[in-house]
Amino acid sequence: MPQLNPNPWFTIMLMTWFTYSFLIQPKLLSFTPTNNPMTKPATTKPTPWTWPWT
């Protein structure tokens, strides 16, 4: 069964992960985000609902 033979696929997987980790990822992390996160404004507590049957 070819699925049990990891000889070619394990090498391909390792090369792919090394390429991603050492070449692509630093380039992606060097970009600055365009939308800086903002602090969320303090929300006010909502008024309780007045039920007509109470």
C-alpha atoms as a PDB file:
ATOM      1  CA  MET A   1       0.000   0.000   0.000  1.00  0.00           C
ATOM      2  CA  PRO A   2       1.539   3.333  -0.982  1.00  0.00           C
ATOM      3  CA  GLN A   3      -0.064   5.175   1.927  1.00  0.00           C
ATOM      4  CA  LEU A   4       2.183   3.324   4.366  1.00  0.00           C
ATOM      5  CA  ASN A   5       5.381   4.297   2.575  1.00  0.00           C
ATOM      6  CA  PRO A   6       6.404   7.683   4.054  1.00  0.00           C
ATOM      7  CA  ASN A   7       9.594   7.900   2.041  1.00  0.00           C
ATOM      8  CA  PRO A   8       8.696  10.579  -0.563  1.00  0.00           C
ATOM      9  CA  TRP A   9       5.841  12.265   1.289  1.00  0.00           C
ATOM     10  CA  PHE A  10       7.597  12.882   4.569  1.00  0.00           C
ATOM     11  CA  THR A  11      10.434  14.692   2.807  1.00  0.00           C
ATOM     12  CA  ILE A  12       7.982  16.799   0.821  1.00  0.00           C
ATOM     13  CA  MET A  13       6.087  17.699   3.991  1.00  0.00           C
ATOM     14  CA  LEU A  14       9.287  18.702   5.813  1.00  0.00           C
ATOM     15  CA  MET A  15      10.496  20.826   2.911  1.00  0.00           C
ATOM     16  CA  THR A  16       7.114  22.537   2.713  1.00  0.00           C
ATOM     17  CA  TRP A  17       7.114  23.350   6.443  1.00  0.00           C
ATOM     18  CA  PHE A  18      10.684  24.619   6.366  1.00  0.00           C
ATOM     19  CA  THR A  19       9.889  26.798   3.372  1.00  0.00           C
ATOM     20  CA  TYR A  20       6.855  28.217   5.107  1.00  0.00           C
ATOM     21  CA  SER A  21       8.587  28.716   8.441  1.00  0.00           C
ATOM     22  CA  PHE A  22      11.802  30.312   7.250  1.00  0.00           C
ATOM     23  CA  LEU A  23      10.884  32.121   4.035  1.00  0.00           C
ATOM     24  CA  ILE A  24       7.216  32.960   3.821  1.00  0.00           C
ATOM     25  CA  GLN A  25       6.259  33.537   7.457  1.00  0.00           C
ATOM     26  CA  PRO A  26       8.829  36.302   8.219  1.00  0.00           C
ATOM     27  CA  LYS A  27       7.765  38.155   5.089  1.00  0.00           C
ATOM     28  CA  LEU A  28       4.120  37.984   6.126  1.00  0.00           C
ATOM     29  CA  LEU A  29       4.842  39.065   9.688  1.00  0.00           C
ATOM     30  CA  SER A  30       6.767  42.126   8.524  1.00  0.00           C
ATOM     31  CA  PHE A  31       3.626  43.757   7.109  1.00  0.00           C
ATOM     32  CA  THR A  32       1.928  46.317   9.309  1.00  0.00           C
ATOM     33  CA  PRO A  33      -1.805  45.945   9.777  1.00  0.00           C
ATOM     34  CA  THR A  34      -3.910  48.660   8.166  1.00  0.00           C
ATOM     35  CA  ASN A  35      -6.620  48.607  10.827  1.00  0.00           C
ATOM     36  CA  ASN A  36      -5.138  49.153  14.263  1.00  0.00           C
ATOM     37  CA  PRO A  37      -7.212  47.656  17.071  1.00  0.00           C
ATOM     38  CA  MET A  38      -9.224  50.194  19.029  1.00  0.00           C
ATOM     39  CA  THR A  39     -10.252  50.071  22.643  1.00  0.00           C
ATOM     40  CA  LYS A  40     -13.884  49.226  23.048  1.00  0.00           C
ATOM     41  CA  PRO A  41     -15.916  52.060  24.572  1.00  0.00           C
ATOM     42  CA  ALA A  42     -17.505  51.404  27.931  1.00  0.00           C
ATOM     43  CA  THR A  43     -21.029  50.163  27.484  1.00  0.00           C
ATOM     44  CA  THR A  44     -23.833  51.425  29.678  1.00  0.00           C
ATOM     45  CA  LYS A  45     -25.970  49.019  31.609  1.00  0.00           C
ATOM     46  CA  PRO A  46     -29.339  48.556  29.888  1.00  0.00           C
ATOM     47  CA  THR A  47     -32.504  49.458  31.753  1.00  0.00           C
ATOM     48  CA  PRO A  48     -34.531  46.459  32.905  1.00  0.00           C
ATOM     49  CA  TRP A  49     -37.620  45.553  30.970  1.00  0.00           C
ATOM     50  CA  THR A  50     -40.892  46.376  32.739  1.00  0.00           C
ATOM     51  CA  TRP A  51     -43.229  43.454  32.346  1.00  0.00           C
ATOM     52  CA  PRO A  52     -46.937  44.358  32.227  1.00  0.00           C
ATOM     53  CA  TRP A  53     -48.090  41.378  34.343  1.00  0.00           C
ATOM     54  CA  THR A  54     -45.943  42.073  37.394  1.00  0.00           C
END
